């Protein structure tokens, strides 16, 4: 299970991720969407405590990336 802690540094949203990024990580897409809705167009993801990213997890990351790019943000 992926856990996400949110913090910010000025106008940058920092997402501290811990656990596995896999098919059950819709929470990551939701958290990125929440950041965008709240005006955070620059998002930094800390993967220090991520144990595994599988092929489905790569799709999750790609969906989040596309969402940020569509909002003219950076991730």
PDB file of N, CA and C in Angstrom:
ATOM      1  N   UNK A   1       0.838  -1.180   0.000  1.00  0.00           N
ATOM      2  CA  UNK A   1       0.000   0.000   0.000  1.00  0.00           C
ATOM      3  C   UNK A   1       0.881   1.242   0.000  1.00  0.00           C
ATOM      4  N   UNK A   2       0.518   2.206  -0.810  1.00  0.00           N
ATOM      5  CA  UNK A   2       1.270   3.451  -0.927  1.00  0.00           C
ATOM      6  C   UNK A   2       0.755   4.466   0.084  1.00  0.00           C
ATOM      7  N   UNK A   3       1.666   5.062   0.811  1.00  0.00           N
ATOM      8  CA  UNK A   3       1.334   6.151   1.726  1.00  0.00           C
ATOM      9  C   UNK A   3       1.952   7.422   1.180  1.00  0.00           C
ATOM     10  N   UNK A   4       1.192   8.517   1.267  1.00  0.00           N
ATOM     11  CA  UNK A   4       1.651   9.795   0.730  1.00  0.00           C
ATOM     12  C   UNK A   4       1.523  10.861   1.800  1.00  0.00           C
ATOM     13  N   UNK A   5       2.642  11.504   2.093  1.00  0.00           N
ATOM     14  CA  UNK A   5       2.647  12.642   3.016  1.00  0.00           C
ATOM     15  C   UNK A   5       2.873  13.900   2.192  1.00  0.00           C
ATOM     16  N   UNK A   6       2.051  14.913   2.452  1.00  0.00           N
ATOM     17  CA  UNK A   6       2.133  16.172   1.725  1.00  0.00           C
ATOM     18  C   UNK A   6       2.839  17.214   2.582  1.00  0.00           C
ATOM     19  N   UNK A   7       3.730  17.937   1.953  1.00  0.00           N
ATOM     20  CA  UNK A   7       4.326  19.125   2.574  1.00  0.00           C
ATOM     21  C   UNK A   7       4.607  20.110   1.461  1.00  0.00           C
ATOM     22  N   UNK A   8       4.944  21.315   1.827  1.00  0.00           N
ATOM     23  CA  UNK A   8       5.203  22.308   0.793  1.00  0.00           C
ATOM     24  C   UNK A   8       6.412  23.141   1.160  1.00  0.00           C
ATOM     25  N   UNK A   9       7.041  23.652   0.141  1.00  0.00           N
ATOM     26  CA  UNK A   9       8.148  24.597   0.276  1.00  0.00           C
ATOM     27  C   UNK A   9       7.838  25.733  -0.686  1.00  0.00           C
ATOM     28  N   UNK A  10       7.395  26.842  -0.120  1.00  0.00           N
ATOM     29  CA  UNK A  10       6.925  27.985  -0.903  1.00  0.00           C
ATOM     30  C   UNK A  10       5.780  27.532  -1.802  1.00  0.00           C
ATOM     31  N   UNK A  11       5.935  27.590  -3.112  1.00  0.00           N
ATOM     32  CA  UNK A  11       4.830  27.220  -4.006  1.00  0.00           C
ATOM     33  C   UNK A  11       4.982  25.801  -4.568  1.00  0.00           C
ATOM     34  N   UNK A  12       5.907  25.024  -4.023  1.00  0.00           N
ATOM     35  CA  UNK A  12       6.149  23.666  -4.509  1.00  0.00           C
ATOM     36  C   UNK A  12       5.506  22.662  -3.561  1.00  0.00           C
ATOM     37  N   UNK A  13       4.688  21.773  -4.113  1.00  0.00           N
ATOM     38  CA  UNK A  13       4.118  20.674  -3.341  1.00  0.00           C
ATOM     39  C   UNK A  13       5.127  19.531  -3.336  1.00  0.00           C
ATOM     40  N   UNK A  14       5.398  18.997  -2.162  1.00  0.00           N
ATOM     41  CA  UNK A  14       6.312  17.865  -2.039  1.00  0.00           C
ATOM     42  C   UNK A  14       5.508  16.670  -1.541  1.00  0.00           C
ATOM     43  N   UNK A  15       5.546  15.594  -2.307  1.00  0.00           N
ATOM     44  CA  UNK A  15       4.847  14.369  -1.943  1.00  0.00           C
ATOM     45  C   UNK A  15       5.880  13.330  -1.536  1.00  0.00           C
ATOM     46  N   UNK A  16       5.884  12.981  -0.258  1.00  0.00           N
ATOM     47  CA  UNK A  16       6.777  11.938   0.245  1.00  0.00           C
ATOM     48  C   UNK A  16       6.044  10.606   0.126  1.00  0.00           C
ATOM     49  N   UNK A  17       6.550   9.744  -0.738  1.00  0.00           N
ATOM     50  CA  UNK A  17       5.910   8.467  -1.032  1.00  0.00           C
ATOM     51  C   UNK A  17       6.605   7.349  -0.278  1.00  0.00           C
ATOM     52  N   UNK A  18       5.825   6.412   0.247  1.00  0.00           N
ATOM     53  CA  UNK A  18       6.428   5.236   0.878  1.00  0.00           C
ATOM     54  C   UNK A  18       5.530   4.029   0.616  1.00  0.00           C
ATOM     55  N   UNK A  19       6.160   2.933   0.269  1.00  0.00           N
ATOM     56  CA  UNK A  19       5.433   1.703  -0.049  1.00  0.00           C
ATOM     57  C   UNK A  19       5.669   1.302  -1.493  1.00  0.00           C
ATOM     58  N   UNK A  20       4.668   0.669  -2.076  1.00  0.00           N
ATOM     59  CA  UNK A  20       4.765   0.168  -3.445  1.00  0.00           C
ATOM     60  C   UNK A  20       3.871   0.979  -4.374  1.00  0.00           C
ATOM     61  N   UNK A  21       4.370   1.241  -5.570  1.00  0.00           N
ATOM     62  CA  UNK A  21       3.568   1.893  -6.600  1.00  0.00           C
ATOM     63  C   UNK A  21       3.166   0.798  -7.581  1.00  0.00           C
ATOM     64  N   UNK A  22       1.875   0.452  -7.499  1.00  0.00           N
ATOM     65  CA  UNK A  22       1.359  -0.637  -8.325  1.00  0.00           C
ATOM     66  C   UNK A  22      -0.069  -0.317  -8.767  1.00  0.00           C
ATOM     67  N   UNK A  23      -0.812  -1.326  -9.153  1.00  0.00           N
ATOM     68  CA  UNK A  23      -2.150  -1.138  -9.693  1.00  0.00           C
ATOM     69  C   UNK A  23      -3.108  -0.499  -8.686  1.00  0.00           C
ATOM     70  N   UNK A  24      -2.825  -0.609  -7.407  1.00  0.00           N
ATOM     71  CA  UNK A  24      -3.702  -0.092  -6.353  1.00  0.00           C
ATOM     72  C   UNK A  24      -3.343   1.323  -5.919  1.00  0.00           C
ATOM     73  N   UNK A  25      -2.716   2.095  -6.767  1.00  0.00           N
ATOM     74  CA  UNK A  25      -2.215   3.419  -6.379  1.00  0.00           C
ATOM     75  C   UNK A  25      -3.005   4.571  -6.973  1.00  0.00           C
ATOM     76  N   UNK A  26      -4.303   4.406  -7.087  1.00  0.00           N
ATOM     77  CA  UNK A  26      -5.129   5.515  -7.571  1.00  0.00           C
ATOM     78  C   UNK A  26      -5.017   6.717  -6.634  1.00  0.00           C
ATOM     79  N   UNK A  27      -4.660   6.458  -5.376  1.00  0.00           N
ATOM     80  CA  UNK A  27      -4.503   7.546  -4.408  1.00  0.00           C
ATOM     81  C   UNK A  27      -3.421   8.531  -4.861  1.00  0.00           C
ATOM     82  N   UNK A  28      -2.421   8.056  -5.592  1.00  0.00           N
ATOM     83  CA  UNK A  28      -1.370   8.942  -6.089  1.00  0.00           C
ATOM     84  C   UNK A  28      -1.936   9.909  -7.129  1.00  0.00           C
ATOM     85  N   UNK A  29      -2.748   9.388  -8.045  1.00  0.00           N
ATOM     86  CA  UNK A  29      -3.373  10.233  -9.063  1.00  0.00           C
ATOM     87  C   UNK A  29      -4.304  11.241  -8.400  1.00  0.00           C
ATOM     88  N   UNK A  30      -5.037  10.794  -7.394  1.00  0.00           N
ATOM     89  CA  UNK A  30      -5.946  11.689  -6.675  1.00  0.00           C
ATOM     90  C   UNK A  30      -5.181  12.786  -5.945  1.00  0.00           C
ATOM     91  N   UNK A  31      -4.056  12.441  -5.323  1.00  0.00           N
ATOM     92  CA  UNK A  31      -3.269  13.435  -4.583  1.00  0.00           C
ATOM     93  C   UNK A  31      -2.652  14.450  -5.535  1.00  0.00           C
ATOM     94  N   UNK A  32      -2.170  14.008  -6.674  1.00  0.00           N
ATOM     95  CA  UNK A  32      -1.635  14.932  -7.674  1.00  0.00           C
ATOM     96  C   UNK A  32      -2.753  15.853  -8.168  1.00  0.00           C
ATOM     97  N   UNK A  33      -3.929  15.303  -8.405  1.00  0.00           N
ATOM     98  CA  UNK A  33      -5.075  16.117  -8.814  1.00  0.00           C
ATOM     99  C   UNK A  33      -5.449  17.142  -7.757  1.00  0.00           C
ATOM    100  N   UNK A  34      -5.392  16.734  -6.490  1.00  0.00           N
ATOM    101  CA  UNK A  34      -5.681  17.655  -5.387  1.00  0.00           C
ATOM    102  C   UNK A  34      -4.678  18.806  -5.390  1.00  0.00           C
ATOM    103  N   UNK A  35      -3.401  18.481  -5.599  1.00  0.00           N
ATOM    104  CA  UNK A  35      -2.360  19.521  -5.648  1.00  0.00           C
ATOM    105  C   UNK A  35      -2.667  20.528  -6.758  1.00  0.00           C
ATOM    106  N   UNK A  36      -3.027  20.021  -7.929  1.00  0.00           N
ATOM    107  CA  UNK A  36      -3.320  20.900  -9.061  1.00  0.00           C
ATOM    108  C   UNK A  36      -4.544  21.774  -8.779  1.00  0.00           C
ATOM    109  N   UNK A  37      -5.580  21.186  -8.187  1.00  0.00           N
ATOM    110  CA  UNK A  37      -6.792  21.944  -7.869  1.00  0.00           C
ATOM    111  C   UNK A  37      -6.530  23.052  -6.851  1.00  0.00           C
ATOM    112  N   UNK A  38      -5.530  22.850  -6.003  1.00  0.00           N
ATOM    113  CA  UNK A  38      -5.216  23.824  -4.962  1.00  0.00           C
ATOM    114  C   UNK A  38      -4.086  24.768  -5.349  1.00  0.00           C
ATOM    115  N   UNK A  39      -3.764  24.811  -6.646  1.00  0.00           N
ATOM    116  CA  UNK A  39      -2.827  25.802  -7.150  1.00  0.00           C
ATOM    117  C   UNK A  39      -1.362  25.426  -7.117  1.00  0.00           C
ATOM    118  N   UNK A  40      -1.062  24.186  -6.785  1.00  0.00           N
ATOM    119  CA  UNK A  40       0.340  23.743  -6.797  1.00  0.00           C
ATOM    120  C   UNK A  40       0.660  23.165  -8.174  1.00  0.00           C
ATOM    121  N   UNK A  41       1.305  23.967  -9.016  1.00  0.00           N
ATOM    122  CA  UNK A  41       1.641  23.507 -10.364  1.00  0.00           C
ATOM    123  C   UNK A  41       3.028  22.884 -10.427  1.00  0.00           C
ATOM    124  N   UNK A  42       3.815  23.074  -9.390  1.00  0.00           N
ATOM    125  CA  UNK A  42       5.133  22.432  -9.294  1.00  0.00           C
ATOM    126  C   UNK A  42       5.053  21.373  -8.208  1.00  0.00           C
ATOM    127  N   UNK A  43       5.252  20.121  -8.612  1.00  0.00           N
ATOM    128  CA  UNK A  43       5.115  18.994  -7.693  1.00  0.00           C
ATOM    129  C   UNK A  43       6.411  18.196  -7.707  1.00  0.00           C
ATOM    130  N   UNK A  44       6.947  17.976  -6.520  1.00  0.00           N
ATOM    131  CA  UNK A  44       8.168  17.196  -6.360  1.00  0.00           C
ATOM    132  C   UNK A  44       7.802  15.902  -5.644  1.00  0.00           C
ATOM    133  N   UNK A  45       8.159  14.777  -6.234  1.00  0.00           N
ATOM    134  CA  UNK A  45       7.872  13.471  -5.639  1.00  0.00           C
ATOM    135  C   UNK A  45       9.150  12.887  -5.063  1.00  0.00           C
ATOM    136  N   UNK A  46       9.102  12.544  -3.784  1.00  0.00           N
ATOM    137  CA  UNK A  46      10.236  11.940  -3.093  1.00  0.00           C
ATOM    138  C   UNK A  46      10.032  10.424  -3.079  1.00  0.00           C
ATOM    139  N   UNK A  47      10.821   9.701  -3.863  1.00  0.00           N
ATOM    140  CA  UNK A  47      10.711   8.244  -3.981  1.00  0.00           C
ATOM    141  C   UNK A  47      11.665   7.498  -3.052  1.00  0.00           C
ATOM    142  N   UNK A  48      12.241   8.182  -2.083  1.00  0.00           N
ATOM    143  CA  UNK A  48      13.254   7.577  -1.210  1.00  0.00           C
ATOM    144  C   UNK A  48      12.762   6.303  -0.527  1.00  0.00           C
ATOM    145  N   UNK A  49      11.503   6.276  -0.110  1.00  0.00           N
ATOM    146  CA  UNK A  49      10.980   5.126   0.629  1.00  0.00           C
ATOM    147  C   UNK A  49      10.054   4.245  -0.201  1.00  0.00           C
ATOM    148  N   UNK A  50      10.164   4.344  -1.524  1.00  0.00           N
ATOM    149  CA  UNK A  50       9.383   3.472  -2.414  1.00  0.00           C
ATOM    150  C   UNK A  50      10.157   2.182  -2.599  1.00  0.00           C
ATOM    151  N   UNK A  51       9.483   1.065  -2.344  1.00  0.00           N
ATOM    152  CA  UNK A  51      10.129  -0.246  -2.427  1.00  0.00           C
ATOM    153  C   UNK A  51      10.052  -0.857  -3.822  1.00  0.00           C
ATOM    154  N   UNK A  52       8.960  -0.560  -4.541  1.00  0.00           N
ATOM    155  CA  UNK A  52       8.710  -1.251  -5.799  1.00  0.00           C
ATOM    156  C   UNK A  52       7.865  -0.379  -6.710  1.00  0.00           C
ATOM    157  N   UNK A  53       8.208  -0.354  -7.983  1.00  0.00           N
ATOM    158  CA  UNK A  53       7.356   0.236  -9.016  1.00  0.00           C
ATOM    159  C   UNK A  53       7.197  -0.845 -10.079  1.00  0.00           C
ATOM    160  N   UNK A  54       5.985  -1.393 -10.211  1.00  0.00           N
ATOM    161  CA  UNK A  54       5.788  -2.433 -11.225  1.00  0.00           C
ATOM    162  C   UNK A  54       5.231  -1.828 -12.507  1.00  0.00           C
ATOM    163  N   UNK A  55       4.938  -2.664 -13.488  1.00  0.00           N
ATOM    164  CA  UNK A  55       4.494  -2.157 -14.795  1.00  0.00           C
ATOM    165  C   UNK A  55       3.196  -1.366 -14.680  1.00  0.00           C
ATOM    166  N   UNK A  56       2.288  -1.771 -13.807  1.00  0.00           N
ATOM    167  CA  UNK A  56       1.044  -1.021 -13.619  1.00  0.00           C
ATOM    168  C   UNK A  56       1.327   0.304 -12.912  1.00  0.00           C
ATOM    169  N   UNK A  57       2.317   0.297 -12.027  1.00  0.00           N
ATOM    170  CA  UNK A  57       2.717   1.523 -11.344  1.00  0.00           C
ATOM    171  C   UNK A  57       3.277   2.555 -12.309  1.00  0.00           C
ATOM    172  N   UNK A  58       3.960   2.090 -13.335  1.00  0.00           N
ATOM    173  CA  UNK A  58       4.454   3.011 -14.358  1.00  0.00           C
ATOM    174  C   UNK A  58       3.298   3.699 -15.069  1.00  0.00           C
ATOM    175  N   UNK A  59       2.215   2.982 -15.274  1.00  0.00           N
ATOM    176  CA  UNK A  59       1.025   3.590 -15.883  1.00  0.00           C
ATOM    177  C   UNK A  59       0.438   4.653 -14.975  1.00  0.00           C
ATOM    178  N   UNK A  60       0.414   4.385 -13.685  1.00  0.00           N
ATOM    179  CA  UNK A  60      -0.079   5.358 -12.707  1.00  0.00           C
ATOM    180  C   UNK A  60       0.767   6.628 -12.771  1.00  0.00           C
ATOM    181  N   UNK A  61       2.072   6.465 -12.819  1.00  0.00           N
ATOM    182  CA  UNK A  61       2.974   7.622 -12.890  1.00  0.00           C
ATOM    183  C   UNK A  61       2.766   8.392 -14.192  1.00  0.00           C
ATOM    184  N   UNK A  62       2.557   7.673 -15.291  1.00  0.00           N
ATOM    185  CA  UNK A  62       2.343   8.329 -16.586  1.00  0.00           C
ATOM    186  C   UNK A  62       1.034   9.119 -16.597  1.00  0.00           C
ATOM    187  N   UNK A  63      -0.010   8.582 -15.992  1.00  0.00           N
ATOM    188  CA  UNK A  63      -1.296   9.292 -15.922  1.00  0.00           C
ATOM    189  C   UNK A  63      -1.147  10.572 -15.116  1.00  0.00           C
ATOM    190  N   UNK A  64      -0.452  10.483 -13.985  1.00  0.00           N
ATOM    191  CA  UNK A  64      -0.238  11.672 -13.150  1.00  0.00           C
ATOM    192  C   UNK A  64       0.599  12.703 -13.899  1.00  0.00           C
ATOM    193  N   UNK A  65       1.632  12.247 -14.596  1.00  0.00           N
ATOM    194  CA  UNK A  65       2.487  13.146 -15.371  1.00  0.00           C
ATOM    195  C   UNK A  65       1.662  13.883 -16.428  1.00  0.00           C
ATOM    196  N   UNK A  66       0.830  13.145 -17.152  1.00  0.00           N
ATOM    197  CA  UNK A  66       0.007  13.750 -18.202  1.00  0.00           C
ATOM    198  C   UNK A  66      -0.954  14.783 -17.620  1.00  0.00           C
ATOM    199  N   UNK A  67      -1.521  14.486 -16.463  1.00  0.00           N
ATOM    200  CA  UNK A  67      -2.436  15.421 -15.801  1.00  0.00           C
ATOM    201  C   UNK A  67      -1.714  16.734 -15.453  1.00  0.00           C
ATOM    202  N   UNK A  68      -0.509  16.612 -14.926  1.00  0.00           N
ATOM    203  CA  UNK A  68       0.263  17.806 -14.552  1.00  0.00           C
ATOM    204  C   UNK A  68       0.635  18.610 -15.802  1.00  0.00           C
ATOM    205  N   UNK A  69       1.093  17.944 -16.839  1.00  0.00           N
ATOM    206  CA  UNK A  69       1.473  18.623 -18.080  1.00  0.00           C
ATOM    207  C   UNK A  69       0.268  19.337 -18.695  1.00  0.00           C
ATOM    208  N   UNK A  70      -0.899  18.718 -18.642  1.00  0.00           N
ATOM    209  CA  UNK A  70      -2.110  19.330 -19.183  1.00  0.00           C
ATOM    210  C   UNK A  70      -2.489  20.608 -18.423  1.00  0.00           C
ATOM    211  N   UNK A  71      -2.059  20.709 -17.173  1.00  0.00           N
ATOM    212  CA  UNK A  71      -2.309  21.916 -16.374  1.00  0.00           C
ATOM    213  C   UNK A  71      -1.125  22.901 -16.453  1.00  0.00           C
ATOM    214  N   UNK A  72      -0.188  22.618 -17.366  1.00  0.00           N
ATOM    215  CA  UNK A  72       0.991  23.448 -17.564  1.00  0.00           C
ATOM    216  C   UNK A  72       1.861  23.528 -16.306  1.00  0.00           C
ATOM    217  N   UNK A  73       1.947  22.388 -15.625  1.00  0.00           N
ATOM    218  CA  UNK A  73       2.761  22.297 -14.416  1.00  0.00           C
ATOM    219  C   UNK A  73       4.014  21.476 -14.648  1.00  0.00           C
ATOM    220  N   UNK A  74       4.736  21.243 -13.577  1.00  0.00           N
ATOM    221  CA  UNK A  74       5.981  20.465 -13.614  1.00  0.00           C
ATOM    222  C   UNK A  74       5.927  19.411 -12.510  1.00  0.00           C
ATOM    223  N   UNK A  75       6.425  18.219 -12.831  1.00  0.00           N
ATOM    224  CA  UNK A  75       6.491  17.158 -11.833  1.00  0.00           C
ATOM    225  C   UNK A  75       7.829  16.465 -11.968  1.00  0.00           C
TER     226      UNK A  75
END
